[in-house]
Protein backbone atom coordinates (compact mmCIF):
# COMPACT_ATOMS: atom_id res chain seq x y z
CA MET A 1 19.95 -46.56 7.73
CA ASN A 2 20.67 -44.14 4.91
CA LYS A 3 20.29 -44.69 1.17
CA THR A 4 23.83 -46.05 0.71
CA GLU A 5 23.39 -48.55 3.54
CA LEU A 6 20.02 -49.58 2.08
CA ILE A 7 21.64 -50.23 -1.31
CA VAL A 8 24.38 -52.38 0.26
CA ALA A 9 21.85 -54.37 2.32
CA LEU A 10 19.58 -54.87 -0.69
CA ALA A 11 22.50 -56.03 -2.85
CA GLN A 12 23.52 -58.59 -0.22
CA LYS A 13 19.97 -59.82 0.43
CA ALA A 14 19.07 -60.17 -3.27
CA GLU A 15 22.56 -61.36 -4.25
CA ILE A 16 22.91 -58.68 -6.92
CA THR A 17 25.53 -56.03 -7.59
CA LYS A 18 25.48 -52.71 -5.75
CA LYS A 19 25.00 -50.98 -9.09
CA ASP A 20 21.85 -53.01 -9.84
CA ALA A 21 20.57 -52.46 -6.29
CA GLU A 22 21.10 -48.70 -6.67
CA LYS A 23 19.13 -48.73 -9.94
CA ALA A 24 16.30 -50.62 -8.21
CA VAL A 25 16.17 -48.23 -5.24
CA ASN A 26 16.25 -45.15 -7.48
CA ALA A 27 13.54 -46.61 -9.74
CA PHE A 28 11.34 -47.40 -6.72
CA VAL A 29 11.70 -43.87 -5.35
CA ASP A 30 10.97 -42.33 -8.76
CA VAL A 31 7.87 -44.49 -9.35
CA VAL A 32 6.44 -43.72 -5.90
CA ALA A 33 7.11 -39.97 -6.31
CA GLU A 34 5.46 -39.90 -9.74
CA ALA A 35 2.40 -41.79 -8.48
CA LEU A 36 2.00 -39.40 -5.55
CA LYS A 37 2.28 -36.38 -7.86
CA GLU A 38 -0.58 -37.84 -9.90
CA GLY A 39 -2.67 -38.30 -6.74
CA ALA A 40 -2.49 -42.11 -6.71
CA LYS A 41 -1.85 -44.34 -3.71
CA VAL A 42 1.00 -46.83 -3.66
CA GLN A 43 -0.06 -49.78 -1.54
CA LEU A 44 2.37 -52.57 -0.68
CA VAL A 45 0.36 -55.25 1.13
CA GLY A 46 2.00 -56.16 4.41
CA PHE A 47 4.35 -53.16 4.29
CA GLY A 48 2.27 -50.00 4.06
CA THR A 49 0.66 -47.32 1.93
CA PHE A 50 2.17 -44.13 0.51
CA GLU A 51 -0.39 -41.40 -0.15
CA ALA A 52 -0.47 -37.69 -1.01
CA LYS A 53 -2.59 -35.63 1.39
CA GLU A 54 -3.88 -32.08 1.16
CA ARG A 55 -3.07 -29.61 3.92
CA PRO A 56 -5.56 -26.73 4.05
CA ALA A 57 -4.46 -23.11 4.37
CA ARG A 58 -4.36 -21.96 7.98
CA VAL A 59 -3.36 -19.16 10.27
CA ALA A 60 -0.53 -19.77 12.74
CA ARG A 61 1.42 -17.68 15.20
CA ASN A 62 5.09 -16.83 15.29
CA PRO A 63 6.10 -18.19 18.72
CA ARG A 64 8.72 -15.48 19.21
CA THR A 65 6.59 -12.42 18.38
CA GLY A 66 3.03 -13.73 18.64
CA GLU A 67 2.35 -12.29 15.19
CA GLU A 68 -0.20 -14.15 13.05
CA ILE A 69 1.11 -15.60 9.80
CA LYS A 70 -0.77 -17.23 6.95
CA ILE A 71 0.36 -20.67 5.84
CA GLU A 72 -0.57 -21.59 2.28
CA ALA A 73 -2.41 -24.80 1.40
CA SER A 74 -0.02 -27.55 0.33
CA LYS A 75 0.32 -31.23 -0.41
CA THR A 76 2.43 -33.63 1.61
CA ALA A 77 3.36 -37.30 1.38
CA SER A 78 2.28 -39.66 4.13
CA PHE A 79 2.98 -43.28 4.94
CA LYS A 80 0.66 -45.58 6.84
CA VAL A 81 2.33 -48.74 8.09
CA GLY A 82 0.73 -52.07 7.14
CA LYS A 83 -0.54 -54.57 9.69
CA ALA A 84 2.09 -57.25 8.97
CA LEU A 85 4.98 -54.79 9.41
CA LYS A 86 3.37 -53.29 12.51
CA ASP A 87 2.91 -56.73 14.05
CA SER A 88 6.49 -57.73 13.26
CA LEU A 89 7.78 -54.70 15.19
CA ASN A 90 5.93 -55.65 18.38
């Protein structure tokens, strides 16, 4: 499911217009992104938790040449699925 399909499904499920559903999806994405930039967790009970994690700097190898390369430290977003969603999938 892509973003457009999500908007259509949300509009049908909530019985709202596609335009309002698009605003809601965009607002949700923006709020989660801003919270992660600030280092906060976004926890939706029963669904899951979005969290920013630190990746330390490390040395890796180029698989083609075997040459060592340095990879800078960075931040990445992660999602941990909630128990209710996990149980509903099984």
